[in-house]
């Protein structure tokens, strides 16, 4: 019985960890896209097209 409970807890912890990795990867991509847009706007302002 203790082994079953331990395995269930391990499975739930593993699922939570894997889900968090996917979420952080998506957030990283969103931040990268926002940074690209900021860089593009900065370049436009640098050449006077602001």
N, C-alpha and C. Protein backbone atom coordinates (compact mmCIF):
# COMPACT_ATOMS: atom_id res chain seq x y z
N UNK A 1 0.82 -1.19 0.00
CA UNK A 1 0.00 0.00 0.00
C UNK A 1 0.87 1.26 0.00
N UNK A 2 1.93 1.25 0.82
CA UNK A 2 2.82 2.40 0.87
C UNK A 2 3.50 2.62 -0.49
N UNK A 3 3.82 1.50 -1.14
CA UNK A 3 4.48 1.59 -2.44
C UNK A 3 3.55 2.22 -3.47
N UNK A 4 2.29 1.86 -3.44
CA UNK A 4 1.31 2.42 -4.36
C UNK A 4 1.15 3.93 -4.15
N UNK A 5 1.08 4.33 -2.91
CA UNK A 5 0.95 5.76 -2.59
C UNK A 5 2.19 6.52 -3.06
N UNK A 6 3.36 5.93 -2.83
CA UNK A 6 4.61 6.58 -3.25
C UNK A 6 4.66 6.72 -4.76
N UNK A 7 4.24 5.69 -5.48
CA UNK A 7 4.24 5.75 -6.94
C UNK A 7 3.24 6.78 -7.46
N UNK A 8 2.08 6.88 -6.81
CA UNK A 8 1.08 7.86 -7.23
C UNK A 8 1.60 9.29 -7.00
N UNK A 9 2.24 9.52 -5.86
CA UNK A 9 2.81 10.83 -5.58
C UNK A 9 3.92 11.18 -6.58
N UNK A 10 4.75 10.22 -6.90
CA UNK A 10 5.81 10.43 -7.86
C UNK A 10 5.24 10.76 -9.24
N UNK A 11 4.20 10.07 -9.64
CA UNK A 11 3.56 10.33 -10.93
C UNK A 11 2.95 11.73 -10.97
N UNK A 12 2.28 12.13 -9.91
CA UNK A 12 1.67 13.48 -9.87
C UNK A 12 2.75 14.56 -9.90
N UNK A 13 3.84 14.36 -9.17
CA UNK A 13 4.93 15.33 -9.16
C UNK A 13 5.57 15.43 -10.54
N UNK A 14 5.77 14.29 -11.20
CA UNK A 14 6.38 14.28 -12.54
C UNK A 14 5.49 15.01 -13.55
N UNK A 15 4.20 14.79 -13.48
CA UNK A 15 3.28 15.45 -14.41
C UNK A 15 3.31 16.97 -14.20
N UNK A 16 3.35 17.40 -12.97
CA UNK A 16 3.41 18.83 -12.67
C UNK A 16 4.69 19.46 -13.18
N UNK A 17 5.79 18.75 -13.03
CA UNK A 17 7.07 19.27 -13.49
C UNK A 17 7.11 19.37 -15.01
N UNK A 18 6.63 18.36 -15.71
CA UNK A 18 6.63 18.39 -17.17
C UNK A 18 5.73 19.49 -17.71
N UNK A 19 4.60 19.71 -17.08
CA UNK A 19 3.69 20.76 -17.50
C UNK A 19 4.34 22.12 -17.31
N UNK A 20 5.04 22.30 -16.21
CA UNK A 20 5.71 23.58 -15.95
C UNK A 20 6.78 23.86 -16.99
N UNK A 21 7.48 22.84 -17.46
CA UNK A 21 8.51 23.04 -18.49
C UNK A 21 7.89 23.56 -19.77
N UNK A 22 6.77 22.99 -20.17
CA UNK A 22 6.12 23.44 -21.39
C UNK A 22 5.62 24.87 -21.25
N UNK A 23 5.12 25.21 -20.09
CA UNK A 23 4.62 26.56 -19.85
C UNK A 23 5.76 27.57 -19.90
N UNK A 24 6.88 27.25 -19.30
CA UNK A 24 8.02 28.17 -19.29
C UNK A 24 8.60 28.32 -20.69
N UNK A 25 8.59 27.25 -21.48
CA UNK A 25 9.09 27.35 -22.85
C UNK A 25 8.21 28.29 -23.66
N UNK A 26 6.91 28.20 -23.49
CA UNK A 26 5.99 29.10 -24.19
C UNK A 26 6.17 30.54 -23.75
N UNK A 27 6.37 30.75 -22.47
CA UNK A 27 6.59 32.11 -21.96
C UNK A 27 7.89 32.67 -22.51
N UNK A 28 8.90 31.86 -22.61
CA UNK A 28 10.18 32.30 -23.17
C UNK A 28 10.04 32.73 -24.62
N UNK A 29 9.26 31.99 -25.39
CA UNK A 29 9.03 32.35 -26.79
C UNK A 29 8.27 33.68 -26.89
N UNK A 30 7.28 33.87 -26.04
CA UNK A 30 6.52 35.12 -26.05
C UNK A 30 7.42 36.31 -25.71
N UNK A 31 8.27 36.15 -24.72
CA UNK A 31 9.18 37.23 -24.32
C UNK A 31 10.16 37.52 -25.45
N UNK A 32 10.62 36.48 -26.13
CA UNK A 32 11.56 36.67 -27.24
C UNK A 32 10.90 37.45 -28.37
N UNK A 33 9.65 37.14 -28.69
CA UNK A 33 8.94 37.87 -29.73
C UNK A 33 8.75 39.33 -29.35
N UNK A 34 8.43 39.59 -28.09
CA UNK A 34 8.26 40.97 -27.62
C UNK A 34 9.58 41.73 -27.73
N UNK A 35 10.67 41.08 -27.38
CA UNK A 35 12.00 41.70 -27.49
C UNK A 35 12.33 42.04 -28.93
N UNK A 36 11.96 41.17 -29.86
CA UNK A 36 12.20 41.44 -31.28
C UNK A 36 11.42 42.66 -31.76
N UNK A 37 10.18 42.79 -31.30
CA UNK A 37 9.37 43.95 -31.68
C UNK A 37 9.96 45.24 -31.12
N UNK A 38 10.47 45.19 -29.91
CA UNK A 38 11.09 46.37 -29.30
C UNK A 38 12.35 46.75 -30.07
N UNK A 39 13.16 45.76 -30.43
CA UNK A 39 14.38 46.04 -31.21
C UNK A 39 14.03 46.68 -32.55
N UNK A 40 13.02 46.18 -33.21
CA UNK A 40 12.62 46.72 -34.50
C UNK A 40 12.17 48.17 -34.37
N UNK A 41 11.39 48.47 -33.34
CA UNK A 41 10.93 49.84 -33.10
C UNK A 41 12.12 50.75 -32.80
N UNK A 42 13.09 50.24 -32.04
CA UNK A 42 14.27 51.04 -31.72
C UNK A 42 15.08 51.35 -32.98
N UNK A 43 15.21 50.38 -33.88
CA UNK A 43 15.90 50.62 -35.14
C UNK A 43 15.19 51.67 -35.98
N UNK A 44 13.86 51.59 -36.02
CA UNK A 44 13.08 52.56 -36.79
C UNK A 44 13.28 53.97 -36.23
N UNK A 45 13.31 54.10 -34.92
CA UNK A 45 13.49 55.42 -34.30
C UNK A 45 14.92 55.92 -34.51
N UNK A 46 15.88 55.00 -34.61
CA UNK A 46 17.26 55.38 -34.80
C UNK A 46 17.47 56.04 -36.17
N UNK A 47 16.74 55.57 -37.18
CA UNK A 47 16.89 56.14 -38.53
C UNK A 47 15.88 57.27 -38.77
N UNK A 48 15.13 57.64 -37.77
CA UNK A 48 14.24 58.79 -37.87
C UNK A 48 12.85 58.48 -38.37
N UNK A 49 12.43 57.26 -38.36
CA UNK A 49 11.09 56.89 -38.82
C UNK A 49 10.14 56.70 -37.64
N UNK A 50 10.44 57.29 -36.54
CA UNK A 50 9.68 57.09 -35.31
C UNK A 50 8.32 57.74 -35.34
